[in-house]
């Protein structure tokens, strides 16, 4: 189960690639990812590393692309949760 959740979190992070600040939609998306990772027992260090990677990917996108990607992710995470 842990591996599956880590794989989901990692693959969705990789799917993102915005602006100087993270849009609120992306903050919400990250919150869902972090909650799932914590529930799966993933270590805090791994979660922090994933968050840095997530933020870098968001910053490399245009704001509109980042918002759309994060909204899609949030919808998926709501179904998973």
PDB file of N, CA and C in Angstrom:
ATOM      1  N   UNK A   1       0.825  -1.196   0.000  1.00  0.00           N
ATOM      2  CA  UNK A   1       0.000   0.000   0.000  1.00  0.00           C
ATOM      3  C   UNK A   1       0.863   1.251   0.000  1.00  0.00           C
ATOM      4  N   UNK A   2       1.927   1.224   0.823  1.00  0.00           N
ATOM      5  CA  UNK A   2       2.812   2.380   0.890  1.00  0.00           C
ATOM      6  C   UNK A   2       3.446   2.649  -0.457  1.00  0.00           C
ATOM      7  N   UNK A   3       3.867   1.583  -1.124  1.00  0.00           N
ATOM      8  CA  UNK A   3       4.519   1.739  -2.422  1.00  0.00           C
ATOM      9  C   UNK A   3       3.554   2.296  -3.458  1.00  0.00           C
ATOM     10  N   UNK A   4       2.317   1.849  -3.393  1.00  0.00           N
ATOM     11  CA  UNK A   4       1.320   2.335  -4.339  1.00  0.00           C
ATOM     12  C   UNK A   4       1.072   3.823  -4.130  1.00  0.00           C
ATOM     13  N   UNK A   5       0.896   4.235  -2.886  1.00  0.00           N
ATOM     14  CA  UNK A   5       0.659   5.653  -2.592  1.00  0.00           C
ATOM     15  C   UNK A   5       1.869   6.499  -2.966  1.00  0.00           C
ATOM     16  N   UNK A   6       3.067   5.990  -2.664  1.00  0.00           N
ATOM     17  CA  UNK A   6       4.275   6.721  -3.033  1.00  0.00           C
ATOM     18  C   UNK A   6       4.372   6.843  -4.539  1.00  0.00           C
ATOM     19  N   UNK A   7       4.032   5.784  -5.241  1.00  0.00           N
ATOM     20  CA  UNK A   7       4.049   5.807  -6.697  1.00  0.00           C
ATOM     21  C   UNK A   7       3.042   6.816  -7.233  1.00  0.00           C
ATOM     22  N   UNK A   8       1.858   6.847  -6.661  1.00  0.00           N
ATOM     23  CA  UNK A   8       0.833   7.809  -7.084  1.00  0.00           C
ATOM     24  C   UNK A   8       1.311   9.235  -6.849  1.00  0.00           C
ATOM     25  N   UNK A   9       1.814   9.488  -5.661  1.00  0.00           N
ATOM     26  CA  UNK A   9       2.289  10.831  -5.321  1.00  0.00           C
ATOM     27  C   UNK A   9       3.433  11.230  -6.239  1.00  0.00           C
ATOM     28  N   UNK A  10       4.372  10.332  -6.435  1.00  0.00           N
ATOM     29  CA  UNK A  10       5.531  10.630  -7.278  1.00  0.00           C
ATOM     30  C   UNK A  10       5.130  10.859  -8.729  1.00  0.00           C
ATOM     31  N   UNK A  11       4.268  10.003  -9.245  1.00  0.00           N
ATOM     32  CA  UNK A  11       3.881  10.145 -10.642  1.00  0.00           C
ATOM     33  C   UNK A  11       3.074  11.417 -10.875  1.00  0.00           C
ATOM     34  N   UNK A  12       2.229  11.768  -9.933  1.00  0.00           N
ATOM     35  CA  UNK A  12       1.477  13.007 -10.093  1.00  0.00           C
ATOM     36  C   UNK A  12       2.382  14.226  -9.947  1.00  0.00           C
ATOM     37  N   UNK A  13       3.376  14.112  -9.097  1.00  0.00           N
ATOM     38  CA  UNK A  13       4.356  15.198  -8.980  1.00  0.00           C
ATOM     39  C   UNK A  13       5.116  15.354 -10.286  1.00  0.00           C
ATOM     40  N   UNK A  14       5.471  14.232 -10.878  1.00  0.00           N
ATOM     41  CA  UNK A  14       6.203  14.272 -12.143  1.00  0.00           C
ATOM     42  C   UNK A  14       5.327  14.847 -13.258  1.00  0.00           C
ATOM     43  N   UNK A  15       4.034  14.630 -13.147  1.00  0.00           N
ATOM     44  CA  UNK A  15       3.117  15.133 -14.155  1.00  0.00           C
ATOM     45  C   UNK A  15       3.009  16.643 -14.160  1.00  0.00           C
ATOM     46  N   UNK A  16       3.405  17.248 -13.095  1.00  0.00           N
ATOM     47  CA  UNK A  16       3.388  18.708 -13.021  1.00  0.00           C
ATOM     48  C   UNK A  16       4.740  19.249 -13.433  1.00  0.00           C
ATOM     49  N   UNK A  17       4.773  20.164 -14.008  1.00  0.00           N
ATOM     50  CA  UNK A  17       6.083  20.746 -14.309  1.00  0.00           C
ATOM     51  C   UNK A  17       5.983  22.262 -14.123  1.00  0.00           C
ATOM     52  N   UNK A  18       5.118  28.003 -12.776  1.00  0.00           N
ATOM     53  CA  UNK A  18       4.010  28.728 -12.610  1.00  0.00           C
ATOM     54  C   UNK A  18       4.500  29.953 -12.051  1.00  0.00           C
ATOM     55  N   UNK A  19       4.456  30.079 -11.570  1.00  0.00           N
ATOM     56  CA  UNK A  19       4.633  31.425 -11.128  1.00  0.00           C
ATOM     57  C   UNK A  19       5.584  31.418  -9.942  1.00  0.00           C
ATOM     58  N   UNK A  20       5.934  32.636  -9.519  1.00  0.00           N
ATOM     59  CA  UNK A  20       6.901  32.718  -8.424  1.00  0.00           C
ATOM     60  C   UNK A  20       6.327  32.166  -7.125  1.00  0.00           C
ATOM     61  N   UNK A  21       5.007  32.236  -6.970  1.00  0.00           N
ATOM     62  CA  UNK A  21       4.368  31.670  -5.789  1.00  0.00           C
ATOM     63  C   UNK A  21       3.428  30.558  -6.236  1.00  0.00           C
ATOM     64  N   UNK A  22       3.256  29.593  -5.366  1.00  0.00           N
ATOM     65  CA  UNK A  22       2.385  28.489  -5.711  1.00  0.00           C
ATOM     66  C   UNK A  22       0.930  28.944  -5.635  1.00  0.00           C
ATOM     67  N   UNK A  23       0.152  28.710  -6.705  1.00  0.00           N
ATOM     68  CA  UNK A  23      -1.273  29.076  -6.669  1.00  0.00           C
ATOM     69  C   UNK A  23      -1.998  28.308  -5.560  1.00  0.00           C
ATOM     70  N   UNK A  24      -3.091  28.886  -5.083  1.00  0.00           N
ATOM     71  CA  UNK A  24      -3.823  28.251  -3.984  1.00  0.00           C
ATOM     72  C   UNK A  24      -4.342  26.874  -4.381  1.00  0.00           C
ATOM     73  N   UNK A  25      -4.653  26.684  -5.662  1.00  0.00           N
ATOM     74  CA  UNK A  25      -5.105  25.370  -6.128  1.00  0.00           C
ATOM     75  C   UNK A  25      -4.008  24.319  -5.946  1.00  0.00           C
ATOM     76  N   UNK A  26      -2.765  24.746  -6.149  1.00  0.00           N
ATOM     77  CA  UNK A  26      -1.638  23.828  -6.002  1.00  0.00           C
ATOM     78  C   UNK A  26      -1.330  23.570  -4.530  1.00  0.00           C
ATOM     79  N   UNK A  27      -1.540  24.563  -3.706  1.00  0.00           N
ATOM     80  CA  UNK A  27      -1.362  24.347  -2.266  1.00  0.00           C
ATOM     81  C   UNK A  27      -2.361  23.309  -1.777  1.00  0.00           C
ATOM     82  N   UNK A  28      -3.588  23.382  -2.265  1.00  0.00           N
ATOM     83  CA  UNK A  28      -4.616  22.411  -1.883  1.00  0.00           C
ATOM     84  C   UNK A  28      -4.245  21.025  -2.407  1.00  0.00           C
ATOM     85  N   UNK A  29      -3.776  20.964  -3.635  1.00  0.00           N
ATOM     86  CA  UNK A  29      -3.366  19.692  -4.221  1.00  0.00           C
ATOM     87  C   UNK A  29      -2.235  19.069  -3.409  1.00  0.00           C
ATOM     88  N   UNK A  30      -1.264  19.898  -3.024  1.00  0.00           N
ATOM     89  CA  UNK A  30      -0.167  19.380  -2.213  1.00  0.00           C
ATOM     90  C   UNK A  30      -0.676  18.876  -0.861  1.00  0.00           C
ATOM     91  N   UNK A  31      -1.624  19.575  -0.281  1.00  0.00           N
ATOM     92  CA  UNK A  31      -2.169  19.160   1.018  1.00  0.00           C
ATOM     93  C   UNK A  31      -2.764  17.756   0.907  1.00  0.00           C
ATOM     94  N   UNK A  32      -3.502  17.496  -0.163  1.00  0.00           N
ATOM     95  CA  UNK A  32      -4.059  16.164  -0.373  1.00  0.00           C
ATOM     96  C   UNK A  32      -2.942  15.129  -0.501  1.00  0.00           C
ATOM     97  N   UNK A  33      -1.904  15.455  -1.293  1.00  0.00           N
ATOM     98  CA  UNK A  33      -0.795  14.523  -1.472  1.00  0.00           C
ATOM     99  C   UNK A  33      -0.098  14.230  -0.155  1.00  0.00           C
ATOM    100  N   UNK A  34       0.158  15.274   0.623  1.00  0.00           N
ATOM    101  CA  UNK A  34       0.856  15.105   1.896  1.00  0.00           C
ATOM    102  C   UNK A  34       0.012  14.278   2.871  1.00  0.00           C
ATOM    103  N   UNK A  35      -1.285  14.519   2.899  1.00  0.00           N
ATOM    104  CA  UNK A  35      -2.162  13.753   3.789  1.00  0.00           C
ATOM    105  C   UNK A  35      -2.145  12.271   3.433  1.00  0.00           C
ATOM    106  N   UNK A  36      -2.229  11.966   2.145  1.00  0.00           N
ATOM    107  CA  UNK A  36      -2.207  10.569   1.705  1.00  0.00           C
ATOM    108  C   UNK A  36      -0.860   9.934   2.041  1.00  0.00           C
ATOM    109  N   UNK A  37       0.209  10.675   1.817  1.00  0.00           N
ATOM    110  CA  UNK A  37       1.548  10.154   2.107  1.00  0.00           C
ATOM    111  C   UNK A  37       1.701   9.875   3.601  1.00  0.00           C
ATOM    112  N   UNK A  38       1.218  10.776   4.445  1.00  0.00           N
ATOM    113  CA  UNK A  38       1.313  10.580   5.896  1.00  0.00           C
ATOM    114  C   UNK A  38       0.486   9.372   6.341  1.00  0.00           C
ATOM    115  N   UNK A  39      -0.700   9.238   5.791  1.00  0.00           N
ATOM    116  CA  UNK A  39      -1.556   8.108   6.144  1.00  0.00           C
ATOM    117  C   UNK A  39      -0.927   6.785   5.718  1.00  0.00           C
ATOM    118  N   UNK A  40      -0.109   6.847   4.666  1.00  0.00           N
ATOM    119  CA  UNK A  40       0.547   5.647   4.155  1.00  0.00           C
ATOM    120  C   UNK A  40       1.814   5.312   4.916  1.00  0.00           C
ATOM    121  N   UNK A  41       2.219   6.197   5.823  1.00  0.00           N
ATOM    122  CA  UNK A  41       3.404   5.940   6.620  1.00  0.00           C
ATOM    123  C   UNK A  41       4.706   6.330   5.956  1.00  0.00           C
ATOM    124  N   UNK A  42       4.645   7.166   4.949  1.00  0.00           N
ATOM    125  CA  UNK A  42       5.855   7.618   4.261  1.00  0.00           C
ATOM    126  C   UNK A  42       6.591   8.577   5.201  1.00  0.00           C
ATOM    127  N   UNK A  43       7.906   8.421   5.329  1.00  0.00           N
ATOM    128  CA  UNK A  43       8.677   9.274   6.249  1.00  0.00           C
ATOM    129  C   UNK A  43       8.613  10.753   5.898  1.00  0.00           C
ATOM    130  N   UNK A  44       8.669  11.597   6.921  1.00  0.00           N
ATOM    131  CA  UNK A  44       8.598  13.056   6.753  1.00  0.00           C
ATOM    132  C   UNK A  44       9.668  13.568   5.798  1.00  0.00           C
ATOM    133  N   UNK A  45      10.873  13.010   5.873  1.00  0.00           N
ATOM    134  CA  UNK A  45      11.959  13.455   4.992  1.00  0.00           C
ATOM    135  C   UNK A  45      11.601  13.246   3.525  1.00  0.00           C
ATOM    136  N   UNK A  46      10.990  12.123   3.229  1.00  0.00           N
ATOM    137  CA  UNK A  46      10.574  11.831   1.856  1.00  0.00           C
ATOM    138  C   UNK A  46       9.483  12.790   1.408  1.00  0.00           C
ATOM    139  N   UNK A  47       8.574  13.100   2.305  1.00  0.00           N
ATOM    140  CA  UNK A  47       7.486  14.025   1.978  1.00  0.00           C
ATOM    141  C   UNK A  47       8.046  15.416   1.693  1.00  0.00           C
ATOM    142  N   UNK A  48       9.002  15.855   2.502  1.00  0.00           N
ATOM    143  CA  UNK A  48       9.619  17.169   2.283  1.00  0.00           C
ATOM    144  C   UNK A  48      10.356  17.222   0.950  1.00  0.00           C
ATOM    145  N   UNK A  49      11.054  16.145   0.606  1.00  0.00           N
ATOM    146  CA  UNK A  49      11.763  16.090  -0.679  1.00  0.00           C
ATOM    147  C   UNK A  49      10.772  16.139  -1.835  1.00  0.00           C
ATOM    148  N   UNK A  50       9.657  15.429  -1.701  1.00  0.00           N
ATOM    149  CA  UNK A  50       8.628  15.445  -2.735  1.00  0.00           C
ATOM    150  C   UNK A  50       8.018  16.839  -2.874  1.00  0.00           C
ATOM    151  N   UNK A  51       7.857  17.542  -1.753  1.00  0.00           N
ATOM    152  CA  UNK A  51       7.278  18.887  -1.801  1.00  0.00           C
ATOM    153  C   UNK A  51       8.198  19.828  -2.566  1.00  0.00           C
ATOM    154  N   UNK A  52       9.502  19.741  -2.344  1.00  0.00           N
ATOM    155  CA  UNK A  52      10.443  20.584  -3.079  1.00  0.00           C
ATOM    156  C   UNK A  52      10.354  20.305  -4.573  1.00  0.00           C
ATOM    157  N   UNK A  53      10.291  19.036  -4.923  1.00  0.00           N
ATOM    158  CA  UNK A  53      10.190  18.649  -6.327  1.00  0.00           C
ATOM    159  C   UNK A  53       8.870  19.165  -6.919  1.00  0.00           C
ATOM    160  N   UNK A  54       7.797  19.023  -6.183  1.00  0.00           N
ATOM    161  CA  UNK A  54       6.486  19.496  -6.615  1.00  0.00           C
ATOM    162  C   UNK A  54       6.522  21.004  -6.884  1.00  0.00           C
ATOM    163  N   UNK A  55       7.096  21.765  -5.949  1.00  0.00           N
ATOM    164  CA  UNK A  55       7.178  23.222  -6.101  1.00  0.00           C
ATOM    165  C   UNK A  55       8.018  23.612  -7.303  1.00  0.00           C
ATOM    166  N   UNK A  56       9.113  22.912  -7.545  1.00  0.00           N
ATOM    167  CA  UNK A  56       9.951  23.206  -8.701  1.00  0.00           C
ATOM    168  C   UNK A  56       9.192  22.963  -9.998  1.00  0.00           C
ATOM    169  N   UNK A  57       8.445  21.883 -10.040  1.00  0.00           N
ATOM    170  CA  UNK A  57       7.677  21.576 -11.241  1.00  0.00           C
ATOM    171  C   UNK A  57       6.580  22.605 -11.473  1.00  0.00           C
ATOM    172  N   UNK A  58       5.938  23.039 -10.401  1.00  0.00           N
ATOM    173  CA  UNK A  58       4.888  24.054 -10.523  1.00  0.00           C
ATOM    174  C   UNK A  58       5.483  25.354 -11.046  1.00  0.00           C
ATOM    175  N   UNK A  59       6.627  25.732 -10.528  1.00  0.00           N
ATOM    176  CA  UNK A  59       7.266  26.984 -10.931  1.00  0.00           C
ATOM    177  C   UNK A  59       7.716  26.964 -12.378  1.00  0.00           C
ATOM    178  N   UNK A  60       7.942  25.777 -12.935  1.00  0.00           N
ATOM    179  CA  UNK A  60       8.377  25.696 -14.325  1.00  0.00           C
ATOM    180  C   UNK A  60       7.206  25.794 -15.310  1.00  0.00           C
ATOM    181  N   UNK A  61       5.987  25.783 -14.803  1.00  0.00           N
ATOM    182  CA  UNK A  61       4.785  25.884 -15.646  1.00  0.00           C
ATOM    183  C   UNK A  61       4.271  27.320 -15.647  1.00  0.00           C
ATOM    184  N   UNK A  62       3.439  27.608 -16.652  1.00  0.00           N
ATOM    185  CA  UNK A  62       2.747  28.897 -16.617  1.00  0.00           C
ATOM    186  C   UNK A  62       1.696  28.810 -15.516  1.00  0.00           C
ATOM    187  N   UNK A  63       1.256  29.946 -15.042  1.00  0.00           N
ATOM    188  CA  UNK A  63       0.286  29.960 -13.942  1.00  0.00           C
ATOM    189  C   UNK A  63      -0.993  29.220 -14.331  1.00  0.00           C
ATOM    190  N   UNK A  64      -1.479  29.458 -15.545  1.00  0.00           N
ATOM    191  CA  UNK A  64      -2.715  28.798 -15.980  1.00  0.00           C
ATOM    192  C   UNK A  64      -2.546  27.283 -16.073  1.00  0.00           C
ATOM    193  N   UNK A  65      -1.410  26.838 -16.607  1.00  0.00           N
ATOM    194  CA  UNK A  65      -1.156  25.398 -16.698  1.00  0.00           C
ATOM    195  C   UNK A  65      -1.084  24.783 -15.309  1.00  0.00           C
ATOM    196  N   UNK A  66      -0.405  25.456 -14.400  1.00  0.00           N
ATOM    197  CA  UNK A  66      -0.260  24.940 -13.040  1.00  0.00           C
ATOM    198  C   UNK A  66      -1.621  24.832 -12.360  1.00  0.00           C
ATOM    199  N   UNK A  67      -2.441  25.841 -12.516  1.00  0.00           N
ATOM    200  CA  UNK A  67      -3.775  25.823 -11.897  1.00  0.00           C
ATOM    201  C   UNK A  67      -4.607  24.674 -12.451  1.00  0.00           C
ATOM    202  N   UNK A  68      -4.593  24.504 -13.769  1.00  0.00           N
ATOM    203  CA  UNK A  68      -5.365  23.412 -14.378  1.00  0.00           C
ATOM    204  C   UNK A  68      -4.871  22.052 -13.907  1.00  0.00           C
ATOM    205  N   UNK A  69      -3.559  21.875 -13.878  1.00  0.00           N
ATOM    206  CA  UNK A  69      -2.987  20.599 -13.439  1.00  0.00           C
ATOM    207  C   UNK A  69      -3.328  20.329 -11.978  1.00  0.00           C
ATOM    208  N   UNK A  70      -3.230  21.342 -11.152  1.00  0.00           N
ATOM    209  CA  UNK A  70      -3.505  21.168  -9.723  1.00  0.00           C
ATOM    210  C   UNK A  70      -4.987  20.903  -9.466  1.00  0.00           C
ATOM    211  N   UNK A  71      -5.846  21.547 -10.214  1.00  0.00           N
ATOM    212  CA  UNK A  71      -7.275  21.288 -10.059  1.00  0.00           C
ATOM    213  C   UNK A  71      -7.605  19.848 -10.437  1.00  0.00           C
ATOM    214  N   UNK A  72      -6.978  19.361 -11.507  1.00  0.00           N
ATOM    215  CA  UNK A  72      -7.194  17.972 -11.921  1.00  0.00           C
ATOM    216  C   UNK A  72      -6.678  17.015 -10.850  1.00  0.00           C
ATOM    217  N   UNK A  73      -5.504  17.307 -10.309  1.00  0.00           N
ATOM    218  CA  UNK A  73      -4.946  16.466  -9.255  1.00  0.00           C
ATOM    219  C   UNK A  73      -5.840  16.459  -8.023  1.00  0.00           C
ATOM    220  N   UNK A  74      -6.319  17.624  -7.639  1.00  0.00           N
ATOM    221  CA  UNK A  74      -7.177  17.713  -6.457  1.00  0.00           C
ATOM    222  C   UNK A  74      -8.435  16.872  -6.635  1.00  0.00           C
ATOM    223  N   UNK A  75      -8.989  16.898  -7.828  1.00  0.00           N
ATOM    224  CA  UNK A  75     -10.183  16.101  -8.099  1.00  0.00           C
ATOM    225  C   UNK A  75      -9.884  14.613  -7.932  1.00  0.00           C
ATOM    226  N   UNK A  76      -8.715  14.187  -8.403  1.00  0.00           N
ATOM    227  CA  UNK A  76      -8.322  12.783  -8.271  1.00  0.00           C
ATOM    228  C   UNK A  76      -8.109  12.431  -6.802  1.00  0.00           C
ATOM    229  N   UNK A  77      -7.417  13.306  -6.083  1.00  0.00           N
ATOM    230  CA  UNK A  77      -7.142  13.023  -4.671  1.00  0.00           C
ATOM    231  C   UNK A  77      -8.409  13.006  -3.833  1.00  0.00           C
ATOM    232  N   UNK A  78      -9.398  13.814  -4.188  1.00  0.00           N
ATOM    233  CA  UNK A  78     -10.670  13.792  -3.464  1.00  0.00           C
ATOM    234  C   UNK A  78     -11.333  12.423  -3.623  1.00  0.00           C
ATOM    235  N   UNK A  79     -11.228  11.845  -4.829  1.00  0.00           N
ATOM    236  CA  UNK A  79     -11.808  10.527  -5.057  1.00  0.00           C
ATOM    237  C   UNK A  79     -11.040   9.450  -4.303  1.00  0.00           C
ATOM    238  N   UNK A  80      -9.701   9.582  -4.245  1.00  0.00           N
ATOM    239  CA  UNK A  80      -8.876   8.597  -3.553  1.00  0.00           C
ATOM    240  C   UNK A  80      -9.103   8.642  -2.058  1.00  0.00           C
ATOM    241  N   UNK A  81      -9.244   9.852  -1.524  1.00  0.00           N
ATOM    242  CA  UNK A  81      -9.425  10.044  -0.089  1.00  0.00           C
ATOM    243  C   UNK A  81     -10.777   9.541   0.290  1.00  0.00           C
TER     244      UNK A  81
END
